[in-house]
């Protein structure tokens, strides 16, 4: 079984904490790291925008990706939240096993 790291940006600490707590509490993710101080520049509705954001690094089992995406969309204030799943191909087997085990309802 494989693990993924999902990137998700949030507009503020309250949103980031709410999403992180829900994902770990509901066993959709083993761990969510919050990286504050991110400055994003992006195009939205025809304009170049700048915003301070918090990046979430969500560690979960690959087969939980769709459920994580669905839950984040339900909790996130953005119309189009950043949700990028990156394969965790390399990692220590014990850490990857932990991520997968903690992303399960029956763990």
PDB file of N, CA and C in Angstrom:
ATOM      1  N   UNK A   1       0.841  -1.174   0.000  1.00  0.00           N
ATOM      2  CA  UNK A   1       0.000   0.000   0.000  1.00  0.00           C
ATOM      3  C   UNK A   1       0.885   1.235   0.000  1.00  0.00           C
ATOM      4  N   UNK A   2       0.419   2.287  -0.647  1.00  0.00           N
ATOM      5  CA  UNK A   2       1.208   3.504  -0.811  1.00  0.00           C
ATOM      6  C   UNK A   2       0.669   4.637   0.048  1.00  0.00           C
ATOM      7  N   UNK A   3       1.528   5.621   0.268  1.00  0.00           N
ATOM      8  CA  UNK A   3       1.156   6.825   1.000  1.00  0.00           C
ATOM      9  C   UNK A   3       1.278   8.024   0.065  1.00  0.00           C
ATOM     10  N   UNK A   4       0.565   9.092   0.413  1.00  0.00           N
ATOM     11  CA  UNK A   4       0.643  10.344  -0.337  1.00  0.00           C
ATOM     12  C   UNK A   4       0.787  11.499   0.640  1.00  0.00           C
ATOM     13  N   UNK A   5       1.298  12.612   0.123  1.00  0.00           N
ATOM     14  CA  UNK A   5       1.310  13.881   0.835  1.00  0.00           C
ATOM     15  C   UNK A   5       0.443  14.815   0.010  1.00  0.00           C
ATOM     16  N   UNK A   6      -0.587  15.362   0.643  1.00  0.00           N
ATOM     17  CA  UNK A   6      -1.512  16.257  -0.039  1.00  0.00           C
ATOM     18  C   UNK A   6      -1.213  17.687   0.393  1.00  0.00           C
ATOM     19  N   UNK A   7      -1.025  18.560  -0.591  1.00  0.00           N
ATOM     20  CA  UNK A   7      -0.837  19.989  -0.326  1.00  0.00           C
ATOM     21  C   UNK A   7      -2.202  20.665  -0.357  1.00  0.00           C
ATOM     22  N   UNK A   8      -2.429  21.541   0.612  1.00  0.00           N
ATOM     23  CA  UNK A   8      -3.653  22.330   0.655  1.00  0.00           C
ATOM     24  C   UNK A   8      -3.316  23.662   1.300  1.00  0.00           C
ATOM     25  N   UNK A   9      -3.636  24.774   0.649  1.00  0.00           N
ATOM     26  CA  UNK A   9      -3.417  26.080   1.253  1.00  0.00           C
ATOM     27  C   UNK A   9      -4.706  26.568   1.903  1.00  0.00           C
ATOM     28  N   UNK A  10      -4.537  27.305   2.996  1.00  0.00           N
ATOM     29  CA  UNK A  10      -5.662  27.851   3.751  1.00  0.00           C
ATOM     30  C   UNK A  10      -5.466  29.349   3.942  1.00  0.00           C
ATOM     31  N   UNK A  11      -6.556  30.102   4.036  1.00  0.00           N
ATOM     32  CA  UNK A  11      -6.436  31.555   4.151  1.00  0.00           C
ATOM     33  C   UNK A  11      -6.007  32.049   5.527  1.00  0.00           C
ATOM     34  N   UNK A  12      -6.181  31.202   6.571  1.00  0.00           N
ATOM     35  CA  UNK A  12      -5.872  31.667   7.925  1.00  0.00           C
ATOM     36  C   UNK A  12      -5.663  30.475   8.866  1.00  0.00           C
ATOM     37  N   UNK A  13      -5.181  30.796  10.066  1.00  0.00           N
ATOM     38  CA  UNK A  13      -4.867  29.759  11.049  1.00  0.00           C
ATOM     39  C   UNK A  13      -6.109  29.017  11.529  1.00  0.00           C
ATOM     40  N   UNK A  14      -7.224  29.706  11.634  1.00  0.00           N
ATOM     41  CA  UNK A  14      -8.455  29.066  12.103  1.00  0.00           C
ATOM     42  C   UNK A  14      -8.909  27.989  11.125  1.00  0.00           C
ATOM     43  N   UNK A  15      -8.899  28.310   9.847  1.00  0.00           N
ATOM     44  CA  UNK A  15      -9.277  27.339   8.823  1.00  0.00           C
ATOM     45  C   UNK A  15      -8.302  26.172   8.805  1.00  0.00           C
ATOM     46  N   UNK A  16      -7.009  26.466   8.863  1.00  0.00           N
ATOM     47  CA  UNK A  16      -5.986  25.418   8.837  1.00  0.00           C
ATOM     48  C   UNK A  16      -6.156  24.462  10.014  1.00  0.00           C
ATOM     49  N   UNK A  17      -6.370  25.003  11.203  1.00  0.00           N
ATOM     50  CA  UNK A  17      -6.536  24.169  12.397  1.00  0.00           C
ATOM     51  C   UNK A  17      -7.807  23.330  12.309  1.00  0.00           C
ATOM     52  N   UNK A  18      -8.890  23.918  11.823  1.00  0.00           N
ATOM     53  CA  UNK A  18     -10.154  23.186  11.685  1.00  0.00           C
ATOM     54  C   UNK A  18     -10.004  21.993  10.746  1.00  0.00           C
ATOM     55  N   UNK A  19      -9.371  22.210   9.610  1.00  0.00           N
ATOM     56  CA  UNK A  19      -9.186  21.141   8.633  1.00  0.00           C
ATOM     57  C   UNK A  19      -8.234  20.076   9.177  1.00  0.00           C
ATOM     58  N   UNK A  20      -7.106  20.498   9.751  1.00  0.00           N
ATOM     59  CA  UNK A  20      -6.127  19.547  10.285  1.00  0.00           C
ATOM     60  C   UNK A  20      -6.749  18.680  11.378  1.00  0.00           C
ATOM     61  N   UNK A  21      -7.469  19.301  12.287  1.00  0.00           N
ATOM     62  CA  UNK A  21      -8.087  18.559  13.393  1.00  0.00           C
ATOM     63  C   UNK A  21      -9.136  17.581  12.888  1.00  0.00           C
ATOM     64  N   UNK A  22      -9.937  18.003  11.928  1.00  0.00           N
ATOM     65  CA  UNK A  22     -10.964  17.109  11.374  1.00  0.00           C
ATOM     66  C   UNK A  22     -10.335  15.906  10.690  1.00  0.00           C
ATOM     67  N   UNK A  23      -9.323  16.130   9.864  1.00  0.00           N
ATOM     68  CA  UNK A  23      -8.715  15.028   9.113  1.00  0.00           C
ATOM     69  C   UNK A  23      -8.053  14.006  10.024  1.00  0.00           C
ATOM     70  N   UNK A  24      -7.318  14.473  11.017  1.00  0.00           N
ATOM     71  CA  UNK A  24      -6.660  13.536  11.938  1.00  0.00           C
ATOM     72  C   UNK A  24      -7.697  12.907  12.863  1.00  0.00           C
ATOM     73  N   UNK A  25      -8.616  13.699  13.372  1.00  0.00           N
ATOM     74  CA  UNK A  25      -9.639  13.185  14.271  1.00  0.00           C
ATOM     75  C   UNK A  25     -10.533  12.142  13.633  1.00  0.00           C
ATOM     76  N   UNK A  26     -10.803  12.307  12.343  1.00  0.00           N
ATOM     77  CA  UNK A  26     -11.652  11.364  11.610  1.00  0.00           C
ATOM     78  C   UNK A  26     -10.851  10.244  10.959  1.00  0.00           C
ATOM     79  N   UNK A  27      -9.572  10.171  11.266  1.00  0.00           N
ATOM     80  CA  UNK A  27      -8.666   9.137  10.760  1.00  0.00           C
ATOM     81  C   UNK A  27      -8.568   9.129   9.224  1.00  0.00           C
ATOM     82  N   UNK A  28      -8.729  10.301   8.633  1.00  0.00           N
ATOM     83  CA  UNK A  28      -8.500  10.432   7.197  1.00  0.00           C
ATOM     84  C   UNK A  28      -7.032  10.716   6.910  1.00  0.00           C
ATOM     85  N   UNK A  29      -6.300  11.166   7.920  1.00  0.00           N
ATOM     86  CA  UNK A  29      -4.875  11.456   7.781  1.00  0.00           C
ATOM     87  C   UNK A  29      -4.160  11.057   9.058  1.00  0.00           C
ATOM     88  N   UNK A  30      -2.911  10.660   8.914  1.00  0.00           N
ATOM     89  CA  UNK A  30      -2.088  10.317  10.064  1.00  0.00           C
ATOM     90  C   UNK A  30      -1.527  11.572  10.717  1.00  0.00           C
ATOM     91  N   UNK A  31      -1.221  12.571   9.896  1.00  0.00           N
ATOM     92  CA  UNK A  31      -0.550  13.776  10.373  1.00  0.00           C
ATOM     93  C   UNK A  31      -0.843  14.910   9.400  1.00  0.00           C
ATOM     94  N   UNK A  32      -1.025  16.106   9.942  1.00  0.00           N
ATOM     95  CA  UNK A  32      -1.156  17.304   9.104  1.00  0.00           C
ATOM     96  C   UNK A  32      -0.235  18.363   9.689  1.00  0.00           C
ATOM     97  N   UNK A  33       0.715  18.805   8.893  1.00  0.00           N
ATOM     98  CA  UNK A  33       1.612  19.873   9.317  1.00  0.00           C
ATOM     99  C   UNK A  33       1.097  21.195   8.758  1.00  0.00           C
ATOM    100  N   UNK A  34       1.206  22.237   9.574  1.00  0.00           N
ATOM    101  CA  UNK A  34       0.770  23.571   9.179  1.00  0.00           C
ATOM    102  C   UNK A  34       1.992  24.473   9.047  1.00  0.00           C
ATOM    103  N   UNK A  35       2.206  24.996   7.863  1.00  0.00           N
ATOM    104  CA  UNK A  35       3.361  25.846   7.594  1.00  0.00           C
ATOM    105  C   UNK A  35       2.877  27.272   7.343  1.00  0.00           C
ATOM    106  N   UNK A  36       2.954  28.140   8.362  1.00  0.00           N
ATOM    107  CA  UNK A  36       2.499  29.522   8.193  1.00  0.00           C
ATOM    108  C   UNK A  36       3.522  30.358   7.440  1.00  0.00           C
ATOM    109  N   UNK A  37       3.121  31.564   7.107  1.00  0.00           N
ATOM    110  CA  UNK A  37       4.042  32.518   6.499  1.00  0.00           C
ATOM    111  C   UNK A  37       4.196  32.370   5.000  1.00  0.00           C
ATOM    112  N   UNK A  38       3.337  31.604   4.367  1.00  0.00           N
ATOM    113  CA  UNK A  38       3.396  31.408   2.925  1.00  0.00           C
ATOM    114  C   UNK A  38       2.811  32.632   2.224  1.00  0.00           C
ATOM    115  N   UNK A  39       3.431  33.081   1.174  1.00  0.00           N
ATOM    116  CA  UNK A  39       2.913  34.186   0.360  1.00  0.00           C
ATOM    117  C   UNK A  39       2.637  33.629  -1.024  1.00  0.00           C
ATOM    118  N   UNK A  40       1.390  33.679  -1.461  1.00  0.00           N
ATOM    119  CA  UNK A  40       1.005  33.122  -2.761  1.00  0.00           C
ATOM    120  C   UNK A  40       0.690  34.234  -3.750  1.00  0.00           C
ATOM    121  N   UNK A  41       1.125  34.028  -4.978  1.00  0.00           N
ATOM    122  CA  UNK A  41       0.770  34.896  -6.103  1.00  0.00           C
ATOM    123  C   UNK A  41       0.119  34.005  -7.133  1.00  0.00           C
ATOM    124  N   UNK A  42      -1.084  34.365  -7.571  1.00  0.00           N
ATOM    125  CA  UNK A  42      -1.849  33.494  -8.462  1.00  0.00           C
ATOM    126  C   UNK A  42      -2.834  34.317  -9.282  1.00  0.00           C
ATOM    127  N   UNK A  43      -3.312  33.716 -10.341  1.00  0.00           N
ATOM    128  CA  UNK A  43      -4.319  34.362 -11.175  1.00  0.00           C
ATOM    129  C   UNK A  43      -5.681  33.816 -10.765  1.00  0.00           C
ATOM    130  N   UNK A  44      -6.625  34.721 -10.484  1.00  0.00           N
ATOM    131  CA  UNK A  44      -7.982  34.333 -10.112  1.00  0.00           C
ATOM    132  C   UNK A  44      -8.957  35.309 -10.743  1.00  0.00           C
ATOM    133  N   UNK A  45      -9.879  34.778 -11.517  1.00  0.00           N
ATOM    134  CA  UNK A  45     -10.921  35.552 -12.185  1.00  0.00           C
ATOM    135  C   UNK A  45     -10.330  36.711 -12.991  1.00  0.00           C
ATOM    136  N   UNK A  46      -9.258  36.388 -13.734  1.00  0.00           N
ATOM    137  CA  UNK A  46      -8.662  37.341 -14.655  1.00  0.00           C
ATOM    138  C   UNK A  46      -7.695  38.340 -14.039  1.00  0.00           C
ATOM    139  N   UNK A  47      -7.446  38.236 -12.739  1.00  0.00           N
ATOM    140  CA  UNK A  47      -6.547  39.184 -12.078  1.00  0.00           C
ATOM    141  C   UNK A  47      -5.428  38.445 -11.367  1.00  0.00           C
ATOM    142  N   UNK A  48      -4.278  39.117 -11.264  1.00  0.00           N
ATOM    143  CA  UNK A  48      -3.185  38.574 -10.469  1.00  0.00           C
ATOM    144  C   UNK A  48      -3.435  38.984  -9.021  1.00  0.00           C
ATOM    145  N   UNK A  49      -3.461  37.992  -8.147  1.00  0.00           N
ATOM    146  CA  UNK A  49      -3.751  38.204  -6.724  1.00  0.00           C
ATOM    147  C   UNK A  49      -2.530  37.849  -5.883  1.00  0.00           C
ATOM    148  N   UNK A  50      -2.467  38.404  -4.692  1.00  0.00           N
ATOM    149  CA  UNK A  50      -1.421  38.106  -3.711  1.00  0.00           C
ATOM    150  C   UNK A  50      -2.121  37.861  -2.382  1.00  0.00           C
ATOM    151  N   UNK A  51      -1.710  36.821  -1.682  1.00  0.00           N
ATOM    152  CA  UNK A  51      -2.357  36.521  -0.410  1.00  0.00           C
ATOM    153  C   UNK A  51      -1.413  35.780   0.522  1.00  0.00           C
ATOM    154  N   UNK A  52      -1.550  36.045   1.797  1.00  0.00           N
ATOM    155  CA  UNK A  52      -0.872  35.248   2.803  1.00  0.00           C
ATOM    156  C   UNK A  52      -1.686  33.984   3.027  1.00  0.00           C
ATOM    157  N   UNK A  53      -1.020  32.849   3.123  1.00  0.00           N
ATOM    158  CA  UNK A  53      -1.719  31.584   3.310  1.00  0.00           C
ATOM    159  C   UNK A  53      -0.922  30.681   4.242  1.00  0.00           C
ATOM    160  N   UNK A  54      -1.565  29.622   4.677  1.00  0.00           N
ATOM    161  CA  UNK A  54      -0.931  28.571   5.458  1.00  0.00           C
ATOM    162  C   UNK A  54      -0.994  27.300   4.618  1.00  0.00           C
ATOM    163  N   UNK A  55       0.139  26.639   4.471  1.00  0.00           N
ATOM    164  CA  UNK A  55       0.198  25.397   3.707  1.00  0.00           C
ATOM    165  C   UNK A  55       0.016  24.218   4.641  1.00  0.00           C
ATOM    166  N   UNK A  56      -0.924  23.347   4.308  1.00  0.00           N
ATOM    167  CA  UNK A  56      -1.084  22.087   5.009  1.00  0.00           C
ATOM    168  C   UNK A  56      -0.381  20.998   4.227  1.00  0.00           C
ATOM    169  N   UNK A  57       0.388  20.167   4.927  1.00  0.00           N
ATOM    170  CA  UNK A  57       0.968  18.959   4.354  1.00  0.00           C
ATOM    171  C   UNK A  57       0.247  17.800   5.035  1.00  0.00           C
ATOM    172  N   UNK A  58      -0.603  17.143   4.289  1.00  0.00           N
ATOM    173  CA  UNK A  58      -1.485  16.104   4.813  1.00  0.00           C
ATOM    174  C   UNK A  58      -0.910  14.751   4.418  1.00  0.00           C
ATOM    175  N   UNK A  59      -0.555  13.920   5.415  1.00  0.00           N
ATOM    176  CA  UNK A  59       0.000  12.592   5.149  1.00  0.00           C
ATOM    177  C   UNK A  59      -1.091  11.560   5.338  1.00  0.00           C
ATOM    178  N   UNK A  60      -1.326  10.744   4.299  1.00  0.00           N
ATOM    179  CA  UNK A  60      -2.390   9.752   4.354  1.00  0.00           C
ATOM    180  C   UNK A  60      -2.082   8.582   3.430  1.00  0.00           C
ATOM    181  N   UNK A  61      -2.871   7.529   3.560  1.00  0.00           N
ATOM    182  CA  UNK A  61      -2.789   6.391   2.646  1.00  0.00           C
ATOM    183  C   UNK A  61      -3.341   6.822   1.284  1.00  0.00           C
ATOM    184  N   UNK A  62      -2.731   6.341   0.220  1.00  0.00           N
ATOM    185  CA  UNK A  62      -3.144   6.748  -1.123  1.00  0.00           C
ATOM    186  C   UNK A  62      -4.618   6.468  -1.391  1.00  0.00           C
ATOM    187  N   UNK A  63      -5.130   5.377  -0.868  1.00  0.00           N
ATOM    188  CA  UNK A  63      -6.532   5.053  -1.136  1.00  0.00           C
ATOM    189  C   UNK A  63      -7.512   5.910  -0.332  1.00  0.00           C
ATOM    190  N   UNK A  64      -7.009   6.812   0.507  1.00  0.00           N
ATOM    191  CA  UNK A  64      -7.854   7.744   1.252  1.00  0.00           C
ATOM    192  C   UNK A  64      -7.900   9.131   0.593  1.00  0.00           C
ATOM    193  N   UNK A  65      -7.198   9.294  -0.524  1.00  0.00           N
ATOM    194  CA  UNK A  65      -7.097  10.596  -1.176  1.00  0.00           C
ATOM    195  C   UNK A  65      -8.462  11.188  -1.511  1.00  0.00           C
ATOM    196  N   UNK A  66      -9.330  10.432  -2.151  1.00  0.00           N
ATOM    197  CA  UNK A  66     -10.646  10.963  -2.539  1.00  0.00           C
ATOM    198  C   UNK A  66     -11.440  11.391  -1.316  1.00  0.00           C
ATOM    199  N   UNK A  67     -11.371  10.636  -0.233  1.00  0.00           N
ATOM    200  CA  UNK A  67     -12.099  10.992   0.988  1.00  0.00           C
ATOM    201  C   UNK A  67     -11.526  12.268   1.611  1.00  0.00           C
ATOM    202  N   UNK A  68     -10.208  12.427   1.580  1.00  0.00           N
ATOM    203  CA  UNK A  68      -9.586  13.651   2.083  1.00  0.00           C
ATOM    204  C   UNK A  68     -10.033  14.838   1.237  1.00  0.00           C
ATOM    205  N   UNK A  69      -9.975  14.701  -0.081  1.00  0.00           N
ATOM    206  CA  UNK A  69     -10.411  15.789  -0.960  1.00  0.00           C
ATOM    207  C   UNK A  69     -11.851  16.192  -0.653  1.00  0.00           C
ATOM    208  N   UNK A  70     -12.720  15.221  -0.508  1.00  0.00           N
ATOM    209  CA  UNK A  70     -14.135  15.497  -0.236  1.00  0.00           C
ATOM    210  C   UNK A  70     -14.312  16.237   1.096  1.00  0.00           C
ATOM    211  N   UNK A  71     -13.608  15.776   2.126  1.00  0.00           N
ATOM    212  CA  UNK A  71     -13.743  16.401   3.448  1.00  0.00           C
ATOM    213  C   UNK A  71     -13.183  17.813   3.449  1.00  0.00           C
ATOM    214  N   UNK A  72     -12.032  18.019   2.806  1.00  0.00           N
ATOM    215  CA  UNK A  72     -11.448  19.358   2.741  1.00  0.00           C
ATOM    216  C   UNK A  72     -12.393  20.300   2.002  1.00  0.00           C
ATOM    217  N   UNK A  73     -12.941  19.862   0.880  1.00  0.00           N
ATOM    218  CA  UNK A  73     -13.889  20.718   0.143  1.00  0.00           C
ATOM    219  C   UNK A  73     -15.071  21.128   1.019  1.00  0.00           C
ATOM    220  N   UNK A  74     -15.534  20.228   1.874  1.00  0.00           N
ATOM    221  CA  UNK A  74     -16.667  20.529   2.750  1.00  0.00           C
ATOM    222  C   UNK A  74     -16.303  21.565   3.821  1.00  0.00           C
ATOM    223  N   UNK A  75     -15.046  21.610   4.223  1.00  0.00           N
ATOM    224  CA  UNK A  75     -14.607  22.492   5.303  1.00  0.00           C
ATOM    225  C   UNK A  75     -13.951  23.792   4.828  1.00  0.00           C
ATOM    226  N   UNK A  76     -13.550  23.847   3.583  1.00  0.00           N
ATOM    227  CA  UNK A  76     -12.709  24.930   3.074  1.00  0.00           C
ATOM    228  C   UNK A  76     -13.538  26.094   2.542  1.00  0.00           C
ATOM    229  N   UNK A  77     -13.123  27.337   2.833  1.00  0.00           N
ATOM    230  CA  UNK A  77     -13.885  28.488   2.335  1.00  0.00           C
ATOM    231  C   UNK A  77     -13.621  28.853   0.869  1.00  0.00           C
ATOM    232  N   UNK A  78     -12.519  28.359   0.271  1.00  0.00           N
ATOM    233  CA  UNK A  78     -12.219  28.715  -1.122  1.00  0.00           C
ATOM    234  C   UNK A  78     -13.168  27.997  -2.073  1.00  0.00           C
ATOM    235  N   UNK A  79     -13.505  28.660  -3.172  1.00  0.00           N
ATOM    236  CA  UNK A  79     -14.294  28.015  -4.227  1.00  0.00           C
ATOM    237  C   UNK A  79     -13.518  26.855  -4.841  1.00  0.00           C
ATOM    238  N   UNK A  80     -12.213  27.055  -4.997  1.00  0.00           N
ATOM    239  CA  UNK A  80     -11.337  26.043  -5.597  1.00  0.00           C
ATOM    240  C   UNK A  80     -10.112  25.868  -4.704  1.00  0.00           C
ATOM    241  N   UNK A  81     -10.222  25.054  -3.652  1.00  0.00           N
ATOM    242  CA  UNK A  81      -9.055  24.874  -2.781  1.00  0.00           C
ATOM    243  C   UNK A  81      -7.946  24.099  -3.484  1.00  0.00           C
ATOM    244  N   UNK A  82      -6.716  24.433  -3.127  1.00  0.00           N
ATOM    245  CA  UNK A  82      -5.572  23.681  -3.643  1.00  0.00           C
ATOM    246  C   UNK A  82      -5.587  22.297  -3.007  1.00  0.00           C
ATOM    247  N   UNK A  83      -5.662  21.274  -3.842  1.00  0.00           N
ATOM    248  CA  UNK A  83      -5.591  19.889  -3.387  1.00  0.00           C
ATOM    249  C   UNK A  83      -4.727  19.128  -4.379  1.00  0.00           C
ATOM    250  N   UNK A  84      -3.487  18.900  -4.005  1.00  0.00           N
ATOM    251  CA  UNK A  84      -2.525  18.197  -4.850  1.00  0.00           C
ATOM    252  C   UNK A  84      -1.986  17.000  -4.082  1.00  0.00           C
ATOM    253  N   UNK A  85      -2.186  15.814  -4.601  1.00  0.00           N
ATOM    254  CA  UNK A  85      -1.671  14.599  -3.956  1.00  0.00           C
ATOM    255  C   UNK A  85      -0.371  14.190  -4.646  1.00  0.00           C
ATOM    256  N   UNK A  86       0.680  14.088  -3.860  1.00  0.00           N
ATOM    257  CA  UNK A  86       1.995  13.700  -4.367  1.00  0.00           C
ATOM    258  C   UNK A  86       2.359  12.346  -3.782  1.00  0.00           C
ATOM    259  N   UNK A  87       2.762  11.430  -4.638  1.00  0.00           N
ATOM    260  CA  UNK A  87       3.144  10.098  -4.170  1.00  0.00           C
ATOM    261  C   UNK A  87       4.347  10.182  -3.239  1.00  0.00           C
ATOM    262  N   UNK A  88       4.273   9.467  -2.141  1.00  0.00           N
ATOM    263  CA  UNK A  88       5.410   9.339  -1.223  1.00  0.00           C
ATOM    264  C   UNK A  88       6.120   8.032  -1.580  1.00  0.00           C
ATOM    265  N   UNK A  89       6.916   8.067  -2.623  1.00  0.00           N
ATOM    266  CA  UNK A  89       7.552   6.853  -3.130  1.00  0.00           C
ATOM    267  C   UNK A  89       8.643   6.333  -2.226  1.00  0.00           C
ATOM    268  N   UNK A  90       9.402   7.237  -1.663  1.00  0.00           N
ATOM    269  CA  UNK A  90      10.507   6.838  -0.805  1.00  0.00           C
ATOM    270  C   UNK A  90      10.246   7.342   0.604  1.00  0.00           C
ATOM    271  N   UNK A  91      10.582   6.536   1.555  1.00  0.00           N
ATOM    272  CA  UNK A  91      10.433   6.867   2.964  1.00  0.00           C
ATOM    273  C   UNK A  91      10.804   5.643   3.758  1.00  0.00           C
ATOM    274  N   UNK A  92      11.035   5.830   5.030  1.00  0.00           N
ATOM    275  CA  UNK A  92      11.355   4.660   5.835  1.00  0.00           C
ATOM    276  C   UNK A  92      10.110   3.790   5.952  1.00  0.00           C
ATOM    277  N   UNK A  93      10.270   2.491   5.830  1.00  0.00           N
ATOM    278  CA  UNK A  93       9.107   1.604   5.878  1.00  0.00           C
ATOM    279  C   UNK A  93       8.287   1.758   7.153  1.00  0.00           C
ATOM    280  N   UNK A  94       8.948   1.956   8.301  1.00  0.00           N
ATOM    281  CA  UNK A  94       8.181   2.086   9.536  1.00  0.00           C
ATOM    282  C   UNK A  94       7.338   3.359   9.550  1.00  0.00           C
ATOM    283  N   UNK A  95       7.853   4.461   8.987  1.00  0.00           N
ATOM    284  CA  UNK A  95       7.064   5.691   8.932  1.00  0.00           C
ATOM    285  C   UNK A  95       5.890   5.535   7.969  1.00  0.00           C
ATOM    286  N   UNK A  96       6.150   4.995   6.797  1.00  0.00           N
ATOM    287  CA  UNK A  96       5.066   4.815   5.831  1.00  0.00           C
ATOM    288  C   UNK A  96       4.007   3.851   6.362  1.00  0.00           C
ATOM    289  N   UNK A  97       4.423   2.807   7.046  1.00  0.00           N
ATOM    290  CA  UNK A  97       3.457   1.896   7.674  1.00  0.00           C
ATOM    291  C   UNK A  97       2.607   2.628   8.704  1.00  0.00           C
ATOM    292  N   UNK A  98       3.235   3.511   9.482  1.00  0.00           N
ATOM    293  CA  UNK A  98       2.506   4.292  10.480  1.00  0.00           C
ATOM    294  C   UNK A  98       1.477   5.197   9.820  1.00  0.00           C
ATOM    295  N   UNK A  99       1.878   5.893   8.746  1.00  0.00           N
ATOM    296  CA  UNK A  99       0.945   6.772   8.020  1.00  0.00           C
ATOM    297  C   UNK A  99      -0.264   5.979   7.558  1.00  0.00           C
ATOM    298  N   UNK A 100      -0.030   4.851   6.958  1.00  0.00           N
ATOM    299  CA  UNK A 100      -1.128   4.036   6.438  1.00  0.00           C
ATOM    300  C   UNK A 100      -2.011   3.525   7.577  1.00  0.00           C
ATOM    301  N   UNK A 101      -1.400   3.032   8.632  1.00  0.00           N
ATOM    302  CA  UNK A 101      -2.179   2.488   9.758  1.00  0.00           C
ATOM    303  C   UNK A 101      -3.031   3.569  10.425  1.00  0.00           C
ATOM    304  N   UNK A 102      -2.482   4.775  10.572  1.00  0.00           N
ATOM    305  CA  UNK A 102      -3.214   5.845  11.254  1.00  0.00           C
ATOM    306  C   UNK A 102      -4.276   6.496  10.373  1.00  0.00           C
ATOM    307  N   UNK A 103      -4.292   6.145   9.098  1.00  0.00           N
ATOM    308  CA  UNK A 103      -5.290   6.659   8.156  1.00  0.00           C
ATOM    309  C   UNK A 103      -6.446   5.696   7.982  1.00  0.00           C
ATOM    310  N   UNK A 104      -6.600   4.815   8.928  1.00  0.00           N
ATOM    311  CA  UNK A 104      -7.624   3.760   8.857  1.00  0.00           C
ATOM    312  C   UNK A 104      -8.601   3.887  10.002  1.00  0.00           C
ATOM    313  N   UNK A 105      -9.848   3.607   9.741  1.00  0.00           N
ATOM    314  CA  UNK A 105     -10.881   3.621  10.788  1.00  0.00           C
ATOM    315  C   UNK A 105     -10.663   2.500  11.796  1.00  0.00           C
ATOM    316  N   UNK A 106     -10.031   1.424  11.375  1.00  0.00           N
ATOM    317  CA  UNK A 106      -9.902   0.251  12.256  1.00  0.00           C
ATOM    318  C   UNK A 106      -8.548   0.176  12.960  1.00  0.00           C
ATOM    319  N   UNK A 107      -7.764   1.250  12.911  1.00  0.00           N
ATOM    320  CA  UNK A 107      -6.430   1.233  13.539  1.00  0.00           C
ATOM    321  C   UNK A 107      -6.520   1.351  15.047  1.00  0.00           C
TER     322      UNK A 107
END
